[in-house]
PDB file of all heavy atoms in Angstrom:
ATOM      1  N   ARG A   1      52.188 143.436  72.535  1.00  0.00           N
ATOM      2  CA  ARG A   1      52.536 144.531  71.634  1.00  0.00           C
ATOM      3  C   ARG A   1      53.155 145.691  72.425  1.00  0.00           C
ATOM      4  O   ARG A   1      54.147 146.300  71.989  1.00  0.00           O
ATOM      5  CB  ARG A   1      51.297 145.008  70.857  1.00  0.00           C
ATOM      6  CG  ARG A   1      51.631 146.098  69.834  1.00  0.00           C
ATOM      7  CD  ARG A   1      50.414 146.450  69.007  1.00  0.00           C
ATOM      8  NE  ARG A   1      49.244 146.838  69.759  1.00  0.00           N
ATOM      9  CZ  ARG A   1      49.052 148.032  70.318  1.00  0.00           C
ATOM     10  NH1 ARG A   1      50.003 148.971  70.222  1.00  0.00           N
ATOM     11  NH2 ARG A   1      47.925 148.293  70.966  1.00  0.00           N
ATOM     12  N   LEU A   2      52.632 145.994  73.591  1.00  0.00           N
ATOM     13  CA  LEU A   2      53.202 147.041  74.448  1.00  0.00           C
ATOM     14  C   LEU A   2      54.671 146.725  74.757  1.00  0.00           C
ATOM     15  O   LEU A   2      55.548 147.598  74.623  1.00  0.00           O
ATOM     16  CB  LEU A   2      52.403 147.157  75.743  1.00  0.00           C
ATOM     17  CG  LEU A   2      53.030 147.987  76.874  1.00  0.00           C
ATOM     18  CD1 LEU A   2      53.219 149.429  76.459  1.00  0.00           C
ATOM     19  CD2 LEU A   2      52.179 147.852  78.133  1.00  0.00           C
ATOM     20  N   MET A   3      54.938 145.488  75.130  1.00  0.00           N
ATOM     21  CA  MET A   3      56.318 145.102  75.447  1.00  0.00           C
ATOM     22  C   MET A   3      57.207 145.214  74.208  1.00  0.00           C
ATOM     23  O   MET A   3      58.303 145.749  74.280  1.00  0.00           O
ATOM     24  CB  MET A   3      56.361 143.676  76.003  1.00  0.00           C
ATOM     25  CG  MET A   3      55.530 143.427  77.226  1.00  0.00           C
ATOM     26  SD  MET A   3      55.985 144.482  78.574  1.00  0.00           S
ATOM     27  CE  MET A   3      54.454 144.493  79.474  1.00  0.00           C
ATOM     28  N   HIS A   4      56.728 144.713  73.094  1.00  0.00           N
ATOM     29  CA  HIS A   4      57.508 144.733  71.855  1.00  0.00           C
ATOM     30  C   HIS A   4      57.797 146.155  71.393  1.00  0.00           C
ATOM     31  O   HIS A   4      58.935 146.466  70.980  1.00  0.00           O
ATOM     32  CB  HIS A   4      56.834 143.938  70.764  1.00  0.00           C
ATOM     33  CG  HIS A   4      56.803 142.467  71.013  1.00  0.00           C
ATOM     34  ND1 HIS A   4      57.945 141.699  71.095  1.00  0.00           N
ATOM     35  CD2 HIS A   4      55.763 141.609  71.218  1.00  0.00           C
ATOM     36  CE1 HIS A   4      57.636 140.445  71.346  1.00  0.00           C
ATOM     37  NE2 HIS A   4      56.309 140.362  71.441  1.00  0.00           N
ATOM     38  N   GLU A   5      56.803 147.052  71.446  1.00  0.00           N
ATOM     39  CA  GLU A   5      57.007 148.434  71.034  1.00  0.00           C
ATOM     40  C   GLU A   5      58.017 149.144  71.937  1.00  0.00           C
ATOM     41  O   GLU A   5      58.826 149.952  71.476  1.00  0.00           O
ATOM     42  CB  GLU A   5      55.677 149.209  70.984  1.00  0.00           C
ATOM     43  CG  GLU A   5      54.822 148.801  69.808  1.00  0.00           C
ATOM     44  CD  GLU A   5      53.587 149.667  69.641  1.00  0.00           C
ATOM     45  OE1 GLU A   5      53.618 150.853  70.040  1.00  0.00           O
ATOM     46  OE2 GLU A   5      52.588 149.154  69.124  1.00  0.00           O
ATOM     47  N   THR A   6      57.960 148.841  73.225  1.00  0.00           N
ATOM     48  CA  THR A   6      58.897 149.448  74.158  1.00  0.00           C
ATOM     49  C   THR A   6      60.318 148.995  73.851  1.00  0.00           C
ATOM     50  O   THR A   6      61.248 149.811  73.765  1.00  0.00           O
ATOM     51  CB  THR A   6      58.527 149.087  75.615  1.00  0.00           C
ATOM     52  OG1 THR A   6      57.192 149.553  75.880  1.00  0.00           O
ATOM     53  CG2 THR A   6      59.504 149.683  76.599  1.00  0.00           C
ATOM     54  N   VAL A   7      60.503 147.688  73.688  1.00  0.00           N
ATOM     55  CA  VAL A   7      61.836 147.163  73.393  1.00  0.00           C
ATOM     56  C   VAL A   7      62.336 147.653  72.041  1.00  0.00           C
ATOM     57  O   VAL A   7      63.504 147.973  71.877  1.00  0.00           O
ATOM     58  CB  VAL A   7      61.826 145.617  73.476  1.00  0.00           C
ATOM     59  CG1 VAL A   7      63.153 145.029  72.978  1.00  0.00           C
ATOM     60  CG2 VAL A   7      61.559 145.188  74.930  1.00  0.00           C
ATOM     61  N   ALA A   8      61.447 147.778  71.061  1.00  0.00           N
ATOM     62  CA  ALA A   8      61.830 148.296  69.746  1.00  0.00           C
ATOM     63  C   ALA A   8      62.347 149.724  69.852  1.00  0.00           C
ATOM     64  O   ALA A   8      63.295 150.096  69.162  1.00  0.00           O
ATOM     65  CB  ALA A   8      60.661 148.215  68.771  1.00  0.00           C
ATOM     66  N   ARG A   9      61.756 150.502  70.724  1.00  0.00           N
ATOM     67  CA  ARG A   9      62.144 151.922  70.862  1.00  0.00           C
ATOM     68  C   ARG A   9      63.398 152.080  71.713  1.00  0.00           C
ATOM     69  O   ARG A   9      64.304 152.809  71.364  1.00  0.00           O
ATOM     70  CB  ARG A   9      60.984 152.721  71.464  1.00  0.00           C
ATOM     71  CG  ARG A   9      61.292 154.140  71.894  1.00  0.00           C
ATOM     72  CD  ARG A   9      61.162 155.133  70.760  1.00  0.00           C
ATOM     73  NE  ARG A   9      61.501 156.473  71.159  1.00  0.00           N
ATOM     74  CZ  ARG A   9      60.626 157.413  71.502  1.00  0.00           C
ATOM     75  NH1 ARG A   9      59.341 157.147  71.513  1.00  0.00           N
ATOM     76  NH2 ARG A   9      61.029 158.592  71.842  1.00  0.00           N
ATOM     77  N   TRP A  10      63.425 151.423  72.894  1.00  0.00           N
ATOM     78  CA  TRP A  10      64.518 151.672  73.836  1.00  0.00           C
ATOM     79  C   TRP A  10      65.355 150.441  74.184  1.00  0.00           C
ATOM     80  O   TRP A  10      66.244 150.521  75.020  1.00  0.00           O
ATOM     81  CB  TRP A  10      63.966 152.305  75.104  1.00  0.00           C
ATOM     82  CG  TRP A  10      63.641 153.767  74.891  1.00  0.00           C
ATOM     83  CD1 TRP A  10      64.423 154.692  74.272  1.00  0.00           C
ATOM     84  CD2 TRP A  10      62.468 154.439  75.277  1.00  0.00           C
ATOM     85  NE1 TRP A  10      63.793 155.913  74.266  1.00  0.00           N
ATOM     86  CE2 TRP A  10      62.573 155.788  74.884  1.00  0.00           C
ATOM     87  CE3 TRP A  10      61.306 154.049  75.937  1.00  0.00           C
ATOM     88  CZ2 TRP A  10      61.613 156.729  75.128  1.00  0.00           C
ATOM     89  CZ3 TRP A  10      60.320 154.995  76.176  1.00  0.00           C
ATOM     90  CH2 TRP A  10      60.481 156.323  75.772  1.00  0.00           C
ATOM     91  N   GLY A  11      65.084 149.288  73.591  1.00  0.00           N
ATOM     92  CA  GLY A  11      65.937 148.138  73.758  1.00  0.00           C
ATOM     93  C   GLY A  11      65.744 147.314  74.997  1.00  0.00           C
ATOM     94  O   GLY A  11      66.347 146.254  75.123  1.00  0.00           O
ATOM     95  N   ARG A  12      64.915 147.775  75.905  1.00  0.00           N
ATOM     96  CA  ARG A  12      64.738 147.007  77.148  1.00  0.00           C
ATOM     97  C   ARG A  12      63.578 147.590  77.949  1.00  0.00           C
ATOM     98  O   ARG A  12      63.033 148.628  77.607  1.00  0.00           O
ATOM     99  CB  ARG A  12      65.982 147.050  78.005  1.00  0.00           C
ATOM    100  CG  ARG A  12      66.327 148.435  78.537  1.00  0.00           C
ATOM    101  CD  ARG A  12      67.650 148.437  79.305  1.00  0.00           C
ATOM    102  NE  ARG A  12      67.782 149.648  80.061  1.00  0.00           N
ATOM    103  CZ  ARG A  12      68.166 150.810  79.536  1.00  0.00           C
ATOM    104  NH1 ARG A  12      68.420 150.919  78.254  1.00  0.00           N
ATOM    105  NH2 ARG A  12      68.268 151.885  80.307  1.00  0.00           N
ATOM    106  N   ILE A  13      63.232 146.895  79.033  1.00  0.00           N
ATOM    107  CA  ILE A  13      62.244 147.360  80.000  1.00  0.00           C
ATOM    108  C   ILE A  13      62.886 147.201  81.357  1.00  0.00           C
ATOM    109  O   ILE A  13      63.334 146.102  81.712  1.00  0.00           O
ATOM    110  CB  ILE A  13      60.946 146.546  79.911  1.00  0.00           C
ATOM    111  CG1 ILE A  13      60.299 146.703  78.539  1.00  0.00           C
ATOM    112  CG2 ILE A  13      59.976 146.979  81.026  1.00  0.00           C
ATOM    113  CD1 ILE A  13      59.209 145.676  78.269  1.00  0.00           C
ATOM    114  N   ASP A  14      62.958 148.283  82.128  1.00  0.00           N
ATOM    115  CA  ASP A  14      63.549 148.220  83.464  1.00  0.00           C
ATOM    116  C   ASP A  14      62.503 148.236  84.583  1.00  0.00           C
ATOM    117  O   ASP A  14      62.707 147.643  85.624  1.00  0.00           O
ATOM    118  CB  ASP A  14      64.504 149.407  83.668  1.00  0.00           C
ATOM    119  CG  ASP A  14      65.642 149.407  82.682  1.00  0.00           C
ATOM    120  OD1 ASP A  14      66.368 148.383  82.614  1.00  0.00           O
ATOM    121  OD2 ASP A  14      65.835 150.408  81.951  1.00  0.00           O
ATOM    122  N   VAL A  15      61.423 148.977  84.342  1.00  0.00           N
ATOM    123  CA  VAL A  15      60.411 149.172  85.392  1.00  0.00           C
ATOM    124  C   VAL A  15      59.035 148.966  84.765  1.00  0.00           C
ATOM    125  O   VAL A  15      58.765 149.454  83.675  1.00  0.00           O
ATOM    126  CB  VAL A  15      60.481 150.613  85.959  1.00  0.00           C
ATOM    127  CG1 VAL A  15      59.375 150.849  86.980  1.00  0.00           C
ATOM    128  CG2 VAL A  15      61.841 150.867  86.581  1.00  0.00           C
ATOM    129  N   LEU A  16      58.176 148.221  85.465  1.00  0.00           N
ATOM    130  CA  LEU A  16      56.804 148.032  85.041  1.00  0.00           C
ATOM    131  C   LEU A  16      55.904 148.409  86.209  1.00  0.00           C
ATOM    132  O   LEU A  16      55.874 147.726  87.213  1.00  0.00           O
ATOM    133  CB  LEU A  16      56.552 146.585  84.614  1.00  0.00           C
ATOM    134  CG  LEU A  16      55.142 146.213  84.210  1.00  0.00           C
ATOM    135  CD1 LEU A  16      54.677 147.073  83.034  1.00  0.00           C
ATOM    136  CD2 LEU A  16      55.062 144.736  83.855  1.00  0.00           C
ATOM    137  N   ALA A  17      55.204 149.548  86.069  1.00  0.00           N
ATOM    138  CA  ALA A  17      54.301 150.014  87.111  1.00  0.00           C
ATOM    139  C   ALA A  17      52.868 149.767  86.626  1.00  0.00           C
ATOM    140  O   ALA A  17      52.375 150.463  85.741  1.00  0.00           O
ATOM    141  CB  ALA A  17      54.526 151.502  87.390  1.00  0.00           C
ATOM    142  N   ASN A  18      52.222 148.760  87.191  1.00  0.00           N
ATOM    143  CA  ASN A  18      50.850 148.411  86.814  1.00  0.00           C
ATOM    144  C   ASN A  18      49.888 149.213  87.652  1.00  0.00           C
ATOM    145  O   ASN A  18      49.499 148.817  88.747  1.00  0.00           O
ATOM    146  CB  ASN A  18      50.615 146.903  87.020  1.00  0.00           C
ATOM    147  CG  ASN A  18      51.400 146.078  86.054  1.00  0.00           C
ATOM    148  OD1 ASN A  18      51.385 146.353  84.867  1.00  0.00           O
ATOM    149  ND2 ASN A  18      52.084 145.095  86.555  1.00  0.00           N
ATOM    150  N   VAL A  19      49.502 150.373  87.124  1.00  0.00           N
ATOM    151  CA  VAL A  19      48.639 151.277  87.868  1.00  0.00           C
ATOM    152  C   VAL A  19      47.218 151.262  87.335  1.00  0.00           C
ATOM    153  O   VAL A  19      46.300 151.701  88.022  1.00  0.00           O
ATOM    154  CB  VAL A  19      49.207 152.714  87.851  1.00  0.00           C
ATOM    155  CG1 VAL A  19      48.410 153.647  88.750  1.00  0.00           C
ATOM    156  CG2 VAL A  19      50.676 152.720  88.264  1.00  0.00           C
ATOM    157  N   VAL A  20      47.041 150.734  86.135  1.00  0.00           N
ATOM    158  CA  VAL A  20      45.690 150.720  85.538  1.00  0.00           C
ATOM    159  C   VAL A  20      44.742 150.032  86.499  1.00  0.00           C
ATOM    160  O   VAL A  20      45.084 149.069  87.174  1.00  0.00           O
ATOM    161  CB  VAL A  20      45.719 150.018  84.166  1.00  0.00           C
ATOM    162  CG1 VAL A  20      46.018 148.547  84.265  1.00  0.00           C
ATOM    163  CG2 VAL A  20      44.419 150.243  83.420  1.00  0.00           C
ATOM    164  N   GLY A  21      43.555 150.595  86.598  1.00  0.00           N
ATOM    165  CA  GLY A  21      42.621 150.044  87.563  1.00  0.00           C
ATOM    166  C   GLY A  21      41.192 150.153  87.071  1.00  0.00           C
ATOM    167  O   GLY A  21      40.943 150.443  85.904  1.00  0.00           O
ATOM    168  N   GLY A  22      40.312 149.943  87.967  1.00  0.00           N
ATOM    169  CA  GLY A  22      38.913 149.996  87.617  1.00  0.00           C
ATOM    170  C   GLY A  22      38.225 148.799  88.200  1.00  0.00           C
ATOM    171  O   GLY A  22      38.857 147.896  88.740  1.00  0.00           O
ATOM    172  N   THR A  23      36.942 148.816  88.116  1.00  0.00           N
ATOM    173  CA  THR A  23      36.172 147.715  88.666  1.00  0.00           C
ATOM    174  C   THR A  23      34.891 147.539  87.868  1.00  0.00           C
ATOM    175  O   THR A  23      34.434 148.468  87.210  1.00  0.00           O
ATOM    176  CB  THR A  23      35.847 147.960  90.157  1.00  0.00           C
ATOM    177  OG1 THR A  23      35.138 146.825  90.667  1.00  0.00           O
ATOM    178  CG2 THR A  23      35.038 149.207  90.388  1.00  0.00           C
ATOM    179  N   ILE A  24      34.371 146.368  87.914  1.00  0.00           N
ATOM    180  CA  ILE A  24      33.100 146.083  87.244  1.00  0.00           C
ATOM    181  C   ILE A  24      31.967 146.746  88.024  1.00  0.00           C
ATOM    182  O   ILE A  24      31.028 147.300  87.452  1.00  0.00           O
ATOM    183  CB  ILE A  24      32.855 144.560  87.148  1.00  0.00           C
ATOM    184  CG1 ILE A  24      33.940 143.903  86.310  1.00  0.00           C
ATOM    185  CG2 ILE A  24      31.475 144.272  86.578  1.00  0.00           C
ATOM    186  CD1 ILE A  24      33.918 142.383  86.363  1.00  0.00           C
ATOM    187  N   TRP A  25      32.053 146.694  89.342  1.00  0.00           N
ATOM    188  CA  TRP A  25      30.997 147.188  90.200  1.00  0.00           C
ATOM    189  C   TRP A  25      31.500 148.418  90.968  1.00  0.00           C
ATOM    190  O   TRP A  25      32.591 148.408  91.515  1.00  0.00           O
ATOM    191  CB  TRP A  25      30.573 146.114  91.194  1.00  0.00           C
ATOM    192  CG  TRP A  25      30.169 144.861  90.494  1.00  0.00           C
ATOM    193  CD1 TRP A  25      28.957 144.587  89.936  1.00  0.00           C
ATOM    194  CD2 TRP A  25      30.976 143.699  90.280  1.00  0.00           C
ATOM    195  NE1 TRP A  25      28.966 143.338  89.374  1.00  0.00           N
ATOM    196  CE2 TRP A  25      30.199 142.755  89.566  1.00  0.00           C
ATOM    197  CE3 TRP A  25      32.284 143.366  90.601  1.00  0.00           C
ATOM    198  CZ2 TRP A  25      30.661 141.521  89.197  1.00  0.00           C
ATOM    199  CZ3 TRP A  25      32.758 142.126  90.211  1.00  0.00           C
ATOM    200  CH2 TRP A  25      31.962 141.239  89.527  1.00  0.00           C
ATOM    201  N   TRP A  26      30.698 149.453  91.051  1.00  0.00           N
ATOM    202  CA  TRP A  26      31.086 150.688  91.766  1.00  0.00           C
ATOM    203  C   TRP A  26      30.313 150.703  93.087  1.00  0.00           C
ATOM    204  O   TRP A  26      29.136 151.020  93.139  1.00  0.00           O
ATOM    205  CB  TRP A  26      30.738 151.921  90.936  1.00  0.00           C
ATOM    206  CG  TRP A  26      31.566 151.974  89.720  1.00  0.00           C
ATOM    207  CD1 TRP A  26      31.206 151.524  88.471  1.00  0.00           C
ATOM    208  CD2 TRP A  26      32.894 152.439  89.593  1.00  0.00           C
ATOM    209  NE1 TRP A  26      32.234 151.692  87.585  1.00  0.00           N
ATOM    210  CE2 TRP A  26      33.282 152.253  88.259  1.00  0.00           C
ATOM    211  CE3 TRP A  26      33.815 152.987  90.480  1.00  0.00           C
ATOM    212  CZ2 TRP A  26      34.530 152.620  87.777  1.00  0.00           C
ATOM    213  CZ3 TRP A  26      35.036 153.356  90.020  1.00  0.00           C
ATOM    214  CH2 TRP A  26      35.409 153.156  88.678  1.00  0.00           C
ATOM    215  N   GLN A  27      30.997 150.321  94.145  1.00  0.00           N
ATOM    216  CA  GLN A  27      30.381 150.295  95.472  1.00  0.00           C
ATOM    217  C   GLN A  27      31.495 150.241  96.511  1.00  0.00           C
ATOM    218  O   GLN A  27      32.625 149.911  96.200  1.00  0.00           O
ATOM    219  CB  GLN A  27      29.462 149.062  95.599  1.00  0.00           C
ATOM    220  CG  GLN A  27      30.176 147.732  95.434  1.00  0.00           C
ATOM    221  CD  GLN A  27      29.220 146.576  95.287  1.00  0.00           C
ATOM    222  OE1 GLN A  27      28.025 146.757  95.311  1.00  0.00           O
ATOM    223  NE2 GLN A  27      29.744 145.389  95.111  1.00  0.00           N
ATOM    224  N   PRO A  28      31.183 150.556  97.759  1.00  0.00           N
ATOM    225  CA  PRO A  28      32.197 150.426  98.792  1.00  0.00           C
ATOM    226  C   PRO A  28      32.689 148.979  98.920  1.00  0.00           C
ATOM    227  O   PRO A  28      31.905 148.041  98.711  1.00  0.00           O
ATOM    228  CB  PRO A  28      31.462 150.843 100.077  1.00  0.00           C
ATOM    229  CG  PRO A  28      30.312 151.677  99.595  1.00  0.00           C
ATOM    230  CD  PRO A  28      29.928 151.106  98.256  1.00  0.00           C
ATOM    231  N   TYR A  29      33.942 148.817  99.254  1.00  0.00           N
ATOM    232  CA  TYR A  29      34.561 147.492  99.289  1.00  0.00           C
ATOM    233  C   TYR A  29      33.793 146.519 100.160  1.00  0.00           C
ATOM    234  O   TYR A  29      33.616 145.347  99.810  1.00  0.00           O
ATOM    235  CB  TYR A  29      36.004 147.606  99.742  1.00  0.00           C
ATOM    236  CG  TYR A  29      36.711 146.269  99.727  1.00  0.00           C
ATOM    237  CD1 TYR A  29      37.190 145.720  98.545  1.00  0.00           C
ATOM    238  CD2 TYR A  29      36.881 145.532 100.922  1.00  0.00           C
ATOM    239  CE1 TYR A  29      37.807 144.473  98.533  1.00  0.00           C
ATOM    240  CE2 TYR A  29      37.507 144.291 100.901  1.00  0.00           C
ATOM    241  CZ  TYR A  29      37.970 143.783  99.718  1.00  0.00           C
ATOM    242  OH  TYR A  29      38.581 142.559  99.695  1.00  0.00           O
ATOM    243  N   HIS A  30      33.330 146.972 101.304  1.00  0.00           N
ATOM    244  CA  HIS A  30      32.666 146.050 102.245  1.00  0.00           C
ATOM    245  C   HIS A  30      31.352 145.483 101.693  1.00  0.00           C
ATOM    246  O   HIS A  30      30.813 144.528 102.234  1.00  0.00           O
ATOM    247  CB  HIS A  30      32.431 146.724 103.606  1.00  0.00           C
ATOM    248  CG  HIS A  30      31.398 147.800 103.590  1.00  0.00           C
ATOM    249  ND1 HIS A  30      31.689 149.086 103.172  1.00  0.00           N
ATOM    250  CD2 HIS A  30      30.091 147.786 103.936  1.00  0.00           C
ATOM    251  CE1 HIS A  30      30.591 149.829 103.265  1.00  0.00           C
ATOM    252  NE2 HIS A  30      29.609 149.057 103.724  1.00  0.00           N
ATOM    253  N   ARG A  31      30.857 146.031 100.596  1.00  0.00           N
ATOM    254  CA  ARG A  31      29.625 145.527  99.994  1.00  0.00           C
ATOM    255  C   ARG A  31      29.878 144.512  98.866  1.00  0.00           C
ATOM    256  O   ARG A  31      28.960 143.954  98.312  1.00  0.00           O
ATOM    257  CB  ARG A  31      28.784 146.683  99.463  1.00  0.00           C
ATOM    258  CG  ARG A  31      28.246 147.534 100.586  1.00  0.00           C
ATOM    259  CD  ARG A  31      27.245 148.501 100.075  1.00  0.00           C
ATOM    260  NE  ARG A  31      26.718 149.274 101.194  1.00  0.00           N
ATOM    261  CZ  ARG A  31      26.103 150.408 101.094  1.00  0.00           C
ATOM    262  NH1 ARG A  31      25.886 150.923  99.882  1.00  0.00           N
ATOM    263  NH2 ARG A  31      25.685 151.048 102.145  1.00  0.00           N
ATOM    264  N   TYR A  32      31.135 144.291  98.524  1.00  0.00           N
ATOM    265  CA  TYR A  32      31.451 143.304  97.474  1.00  0.00           C
ATOM    266  C   TYR A  32      31.218 141.901  98.012  1.00  0.00           C
ATOM    267  O   TYR A  32      31.557 141.583  99.135  1.00  0.00           O
ATOM    268  CB  TYR A  32      32.910 143.424  97.050  1.00  0.00           C
ATOM    269  CG  TYR A  32      33.196 144.528  96.083  1.00  0.00           C
ATOM    270  CD1 TYR A  32      33.118 145.859  96.456  1.00  0.00           C
ATOM    271  CD2 TYR A  32      33.542 144.245  94.767  1.00  0.00           C
ATOM    272  CE1 TYR A  32      33.386 146.867  95.570  1.00  0.00           C
ATOM    273  CE2 TYR A  32      33.809 145.247  93.872  1.00  0.00           C
ATOM    274  CZ  TYR A  32      33.729 146.566  94.273  1.00  0.00           C
ATOM    275  OH  TYR A  32      33.984 147.550  93.382  1.00  0.00           O
ATOM    276  N   THR A  33      30.681 141.039  97.154  1.00  0.00           N
ATOM    277  CA  THR A  33      30.552 139.641  97.508  1.00  0.00           C
ATOM    278  C   THR A  33      31.884 138.949  97.233  1.00  0.00           C
ATOM    279  O   THR A  33      32.721 139.476  96.487  1.00  0.00           O
ATOM    280  CB  THR A  33      29.448 138.944  96.689  1.00  0.00           C
ATOM    281  OG1 THR A  33      29.866 138.898  95.324  1.00  0.00           O
ATOM    282  CG2 THR A  33      28.109 139.670  96.823  1.00  0.00           C
ATOM    283  N   GLU A  34      32.043 137.776  97.765  1.00  0.00           N
ATOM    284  CA  GLU A  34      33.268 137.014  97.528  1.00  0.00           C
ATOM    285  C   GLU A  34      33.407 136.687  96.017  1.00  0.00           C
ATOM    286  O   GLU A  34      34.506 136.791  95.458  1.00  0.00           O
ATOM    287  CB  GLU A  34      33.260 135.725  98.332  1.00  0.00           C
ATOM    288  CG  GLU A  34      34.565 134.989  98.258  1.00  0.00           C
ATOM    289  CD  GLU A  34      34.614 133.787  99.210  1.00  0.00           C
ATOM    290  OE1 GLU A  34      33.873 133.787 100.213  1.00  0.00           O
ATOM    291  OE2 GLU A  34      35.399 132.872  98.921  1.00  0.00           O
ATOM    292  N   ASP A  35      32.295 136.389  95.357  1.00  0.00           N
ATOM    293  CA  ASP A  35      32.351 136.120  93.922  1.00  0.00           C
ATOM    294  C   ASP A  35      32.776 137.349  93.116  1.00  0.00           C
ATOM    295  O   ASP A  35      33.541 137.244  92.144  1.00  0.00           O
ATOM    296  CB  ASP A  35      30.991 135.637  93.408  1.00  0.00           C
ATOM    297  CG  ASP A  35      30.680 134.213  93.855  1.00  0.00           C
ATOM    298  OD1 ASP A  35      31.622 133.466  94.208  1.00  0.00           O
ATOM    299  OD2 ASP A  35      29.486 133.864  93.819  1.00  0.00           O
ATOM    300  N   GLN A  36      32.305 138.544  93.502  1.00  0.00           N
ATOM    301  CA  GLN A  36      32.698 139.758  92.833  1.00  0.00           C
ATOM    302  C   GLN A  36      34.205 140.048  92.998  1.00  0.00           C
ATOM    303  O   GLN A  36      34.898 140.410  92.039  1.00  0.00           O
ATOM    304  CB  GLN A  36      31.898 140.958  93.323  1.00  0.00           C
ATOM    305  CG  GLN A  36      30.453 140.926  92.885  1.00  0.00           C
ATOM    306  CD  GLN A  36      29.613 142.010  93.540  1.00  0.00           C
ATOM    307  OE1 GLN A  36      29.825 142.362  94.709  1.00  0.00           O
ATOM    308  NE2 GLN A  36      28.646 142.528  92.804  1.00  0.00           N
ATOM    309  N   ILE A  37      34.710 139.818  94.178  1.00  0.00           N
ATOM    310  CA  ILE A  37      36.139 140.012  94.433  1.00  0.00           C
ATOM    311  C   ILE A  37      36.955 139.032  93.601  1.00  0.00           C
ATOM    312  O   ILE A  37      37.925 139.402  92.948  1.00  0.00           O
ATOM    313  CB  ILE A  37      36.472 139.887  95.934  1.00  0.00           C
ATOM    314  CG1 ILE A  37      35.828 141.057  96.694  1.00  0.00           C
ATOM    315  CG2 ILE A  37      37.990 139.855  96.160  1.00  0.00           C
ATOM    316  CD1 ILE A  37      35.841 140.894  98.192  1.00  0.00           C
ATOM    317  N   ASP A  38      36.540 137.766  93.584  1.00  0.00           N
ATOM    318  CA  ASP A  38      37.239 136.756  92.776  1.00  0.00           C
ATOM    319  C   ASP A  38      37.231 137.156  91.290  1.00  0.00           C
ATOM    320  O   ASP A  38      38.236 137.021  90.595  1.00  0.00           O
ATOM    321  CB  ASP A  38      36.620 135.389  92.958  1.00  0.00           C
ATOM    322  CG  ASP A  38      36.924 134.758  94.301  1.00  0.00           C
ATOM    323  OD1 ASP A  38      37.873 135.242  94.984  1.00  0.00           O
ATOM    324  OD2 ASP A  38      36.230 133.812  94.679  1.00  0.00           O
ATOM    325  N   SER A  39      36.110 137.633  90.812  1.00  0.00           N
ATOM    326  CA  SER A  39      35.989 138.040  89.420  1.00  0.00           C
ATOM    327  C   SER A  39      36.955 139.190  89.094  1.00  0.00           C
ATOM    328  O   SER A  39      37.609 139.197  88.045  1.00  0.00           O
ATOM    329  CB  SER A  39      34.562 138.469  89.105  1.00  0.00           C
ATOM    330  OG  SER A  39      34.446 138.898  87.777  1.00  0.00           O
ATOM    331  N   GLU A  40      37.067 140.150  89.983  1.00  0.00           N
ATOM    332  CA  GLU A  40      37.998 141.265  89.796  1.00  0.00           C
ATOM    333  C   GLU A  40      39.448 140.765  89.754  1.00  0.00           C
ATOM    334  O   GLU A  40      40.226 141.211  88.939  1.00  0.00           O
ATOM    335  CB  GLU A  40      37.853 142.307  90.904  1.00  0.00           C
ATOM    336  CG  GLU A  40      36.601 143.127  90.817  1.00  0.00           C
ATOM    337  CD  GLU A  40      36.577 144.021  89.591  1.00  0.00           C
ATOM    338  OE1 GLU A  40      37.619 144.590  89.208  1.00  0.00           O
ATOM    339  OE2 GLU A  40      35.491 144.141  88.994  1.00  0.00           O
TER     340      GLU A  40
END
């Protein structure tokens, strides 16, 4: 829907900056398990 609404308004998409972020677990990176990293 995001893509369709953009194209409907301006006819195209030139740049896609995927900045949205977040994590399931809030901890320093070195404390993440391999399974947690894979899940992210």
